[in-house]
Each structure stands twice: as C-alpha cells, then as structure tokens.
C-alpha atoms as a PDB file:
ATOM      1  CA  MET A   1     -15.784 110.515 -23.567  1.00  0.00           C
ATOM      2  CA  THR A   2     -17.150 107.052 -24.400  1.00  0.00           C
ATOM      3  CA  PRO A   3     -15.396 104.532 -22.161  1.00  0.00           C
ATOM      4  CA  ARG A   4     -13.518 101.605 -23.672  1.00  0.00           C
ATOM      5  CA  LEU A   5     -15.332  98.518 -22.412  1.00  0.00           C
ATOM      6  CA  PHE A   6     -13.969  95.156 -21.327  1.00  0.00           C
ATOM      7  CA  THR A   7     -14.398  92.103 -23.537  1.00  0.00           C
ATOM      8  CA  PRO A   8     -16.613  89.275 -22.212  1.00  0.00           C
ATOM      9  CA  SER A   9     -13.477  87.234 -21.509  1.00  0.00           C
ATOM     10  CA  GLU A  10     -11.910  90.122 -19.567  1.00  0.00           C
ATOM     11  CA  VAL A  11     -15.121  90.574 -17.574  1.00  0.00           C
ATOM     12  CA  GLU A  12     -15.168  86.895 -16.649  1.00  0.00           C
ATOM     13  CA  ILE A  13     -11.526  86.827 -15.561  1.00  0.00           C
ATOM     14  CA  MET A  14     -11.816  90.023 -13.523  1.00  0.00           C
ATOM     15  CA  ALA A  15     -15.120  88.981 -11.936  1.00  0.00           C
ATOM     16  CA  GLU A  16     -13.573  85.729 -10.726  1.00  0.00           C
ATOM     17  CA  LEU A  17     -10.556  87.618  -9.363  1.00  0.00           C
ATOM     18  CA  GLU A  18     -12.788  90.197  -7.681  1.00  0.00           C
ATOM     19  CA  HIS A  19     -14.889  87.519  -6.016  1.00  0.00           C
ATOM     20  CA  GLY A  20     -11.703  85.877  -4.732  1.00  0.00           C
ATOM     21  CA  ARG A  21     -10.511  89.236  -3.389  1.00  0.00           C
ATOM     22  CA  TRP A  22     -13.890  89.776  -1.726  1.00  0.00           C
ATOM     23  CA  ASN A  23     -13.732  86.321  -0.112  1.00  0.00           C
ATOM     24  CA  VAL A  24     -10.272  87.009   1.317  1.00  0.00           C
ATOM     25  CA  GLU A  25     -11.373  90.417   2.641  1.00  0.00           C
ATOM     26  CA  ARG A  26     -14.371  88.857   4.404  1.00  0.00           C
ATOM     27  CA  LEU A  27     -12.449  85.879   5.810  1.00  0.00           C
ATOM     28  CA  LEU A  28      -9.702  88.125   7.187  1.00  0.00           C
ATOM     29  CA  ASP A  29     -12.429  90.189   8.879  1.00  0.00           C
ATOM     30  CA  GLY A  30     -13.846  87.113  10.643  1.00  0.00           C
ATOM     31  CA  TRP A  31     -16.714  86.263   8.297  1.00  0.00           C
ATOM     32  CA  ARG A  32     -17.667  82.656   7.638  1.00  0.00           C
ATOM     33  CA  TRP A  33     -19.941  80.733   5.330  1.00  0.00           C
ATOM     34  CA  GLY A  34     -23.535  80.101   6.374  1.00  0.00           C
ATOM     35  CA  PRO A  35     -26.752  79.435   4.461  1.00  0.00           C
ATOM     36  CA  ILE A  36     -28.397  82.713   5.493  1.00  0.00           C
ATOM     37  CA  LYS A  37     -26.709  86.118   5.456  1.00  0.00           C
ATOM     38  CA  ASP A  38     -26.372  87.676   8.910  1.00  0.00           C
ATOM     39  CA  VAL A  39     -24.269  90.830   9.004  1.00  0.00           C
ATOM     40  CA  THR A  40     -24.169  91.027  12.807  1.00  0.00           C
ATOM     41  CA  LYS A  41     -22.826  87.454  13.022  1.00  0.00           C
ATOM     42  CA  LYS A  42     -20.596  87.916   9.954  1.00  0.00           C
ATOM     43  CA  VAL A  43     -22.165  85.046   8.053  1.00  0.00           C
ATOM     44  CA  SER A  44     -22.634  84.978   4.276  1.00  0.00           C
ATOM     45  CA  PRO A  45     -23.857  82.325   1.850  1.00  0.00           C
ATOM     46  CA  TYR A  46     -21.552  83.808  -0.804  1.00  0.00           C
ATOM     47  CA  ILE A  47     -18.220  82.954   0.792  1.00  0.00           C
ATOM     48  CA  LEU A  48     -17.662  80.266  -1.797  1.00  0.00           C
ATOM     49  CA  PRO A  49     -15.292  79.544  -4.661  1.00  0.00           C
ATOM     50  CA  TRP A  50     -16.342  81.191  -7.930  1.00  0.00           C
ATOM     51  CA  SER A  51     -17.249  77.791  -9.366  1.00  0.00           C
ATOM     52  CA  ALA A  52     -19.775  77.215  -6.553  1.00  0.00           C
ATOM     53  CA  LEU A  53     -21.269  80.720  -6.574  1.00  0.00           C
ATOM     54  CA  PRO A  54     -24.872  80.797  -7.858  1.00  0.00           C
ATOM     55  CA  GLU A  55     -25.149  82.212 -11.382  1.00  0.00           C
ATOM     56  CA  ASP A  56     -27.298  85.173 -10.263  1.00  0.00           C
ATOM     57  CA  MET A  57     -24.544  86.262  -7.859  1.00  0.00           C
ATOM     58  CA  ARG A  58     -21.855  85.735 -10.500  1.00  0.00           C
ATOM     59  CA  GLU A  59     -23.803  88.146 -12.689  1.00  0.00           C
ATOM     60  CA  VAL A  60     -23.842  90.714  -9.864  1.00  0.00           C
ATOM     61  CA  VAL A  61     -20.026  90.557  -9.719  1.00  0.00           C
ATOM     62  CA  ARG A  62     -19.771  90.742 -13.527  1.00  0.00           C
ATOM     63  CA  ASP A  63     -21.928  93.885 -13.442  1.00  0.00           C
ATOM     64  CA  VAL A  64     -19.547  95.455 -10.918  1.00  0.00           C
ATOM     65  CA  VAL A  65     -16.628  94.753 -13.262  1.00  0.00           C
ATOM     66  CA  ARG A  66     -18.549  96.029 -16.307  1.00  0.00           C
ATOM     67  CA  ASP A  67     -19.100  99.305 -14.461  1.00  0.00           C
ATOM     68  CA  ILE A  68     -15.369  99.966 -13.910  1.00  0.00           C
ATOM     69  CA  PRO A  69     -14.803 101.750 -17.262  1.00  0.00           C
ATOM     70  CA  HIS A  70     -17.769 104.060 -16.559  1.00  0.00           C
ATOM     71  CA  LEU A  71     -16.492 104.850 -13.059  1.00  0.00           C
ATOM     72  CA  LEU A  72     -13.050 105.632 -14.454  1.00  0.00           C
ATOM     73  CA  ALA A  73     -14.577 107.876 -17.140  1.00  0.00           C
ATOM     74  CA  GLU A  74     -16.372 109.887 -14.447  1.00  0.00           C
ATOM     75  CA  VAL A  75     -12.982 110.943 -13.065  1.00  0.00           C
ATOM     76  CA  GLY A  76     -11.335 111.466 -16.450  1.00  0.00           C
ATOM     77  CA  MET A  77      -9.552 108.129 -16.674  1.00  0.00           C
ATOM     78  CA  GLU A  78      -9.854 105.272 -19.143  1.00  0.00           C
ATOM     79  CA  ILE A  79      -8.842 101.694 -19.837  1.00  0.00           C
ATOM     80  CA  VAL A  80      -5.666 101.524 -21.920  1.00  0.00           C
ATOM     81  CA  ARG A  81      -4.591  98.221 -23.413  1.00  0.00           C
ATOM     82  CA  MET A  82      -0.893  97.525 -23.736  1.00  0.00           C
ATOM     83  CA  PRO A  83       0.363  96.454 -27.156  1.00  0.00           C
ATOM     84  CA  ALA A  84       0.507  92.652 -27.379  1.00  0.00           C
ATOM     85  CA  THR A  85       4.306  92.801 -27.684  1.00  0.00           C
ATOM     86  CA  LYS A  86       4.605  94.326 -24.190  1.00  0.00           C
ATOM     87  CA  ARG A  87       2.170  91.974 -22.421  1.00  0.00           C
ATOM     88  CA  LYS A  88       3.440  89.190 -20.234  1.00  0.00           C
ATOM     89  CA  PRO A  89       2.211  85.788 -21.377  1.00  0.00           C
ATOM     90  CA  SER A  90      -0.809  84.600 -19.427  1.00  0.00           C
ATOM     91  CA  ARG A  91      -0.605  81.393 -17.453  1.00  0.00           C
ATOM     92  CA  ARG A  92      -4.388  81.162 -17.289  1.00  0.00           C
ATOM     93  CA  LYS A  93      -6.336  78.788 -19.445  1.00  0.00           C
ATOM     94  CA  PRO A  94      -8.443  80.676 -22.008  1.00  0.00           C
ATOM     95  CA  ILE A  95     -12.105  81.030 -21.104  1.00  0.00           C
ATOM     96  CA  PRO A  96     -14.386  79.781 -23.873  1.00  0.00           C
ATOM     97  CA  THR A  97     -16.550  82.550 -25.320  1.00  0.00           C
END
C-alpha cells in the first residue's frame, strides 16, 4: 500500500504543533533552555518557540511528521481525509505555500 502523504501546509502545521507538544513534555519533566544540550542536567537549546527554532531543527521535526504516513502504513493504517463538508472551520491563519 502506498501511503497518502501530507501536503506541505499540513506538514508545517503539524510540525509546529509537534514541537509545541515536545516543549511541554520537556518542561513538565523539569527541562530548561540552555545554549548547550546536557541530558543529565536536563538542558536543551531547542526549548524554544517554533518561530525561534533554527531552520535545521525545524526540518528535523518536519521529517518526523512526513514519516507518520509511512509508520501508519507499516501497521496497516492510513491517513483518511474527511470530506470538506464535515470539517470544522480552522481558526488558524493559512500558511503561505
């Protein structure tokens, strides 16, 4: 089965959400921002808002999101888009493509 892939706009939205989720997970576990990563001290230079995250790290998160359809396909699942008539209207501003 060839997985249905996310659009570039979907990847961008989900990557930003995933980075926010990751930040919350780290902060709740006692991590804090610091210029040099130190796992034993729970310090990371990536505990930042998406807008401040370096582009190379944004791309790492985008790659994680892009891999989701492939991971789902490995266990027999797939992305299914709801018909536009059943979607709730988005309150997000569109991301330019």
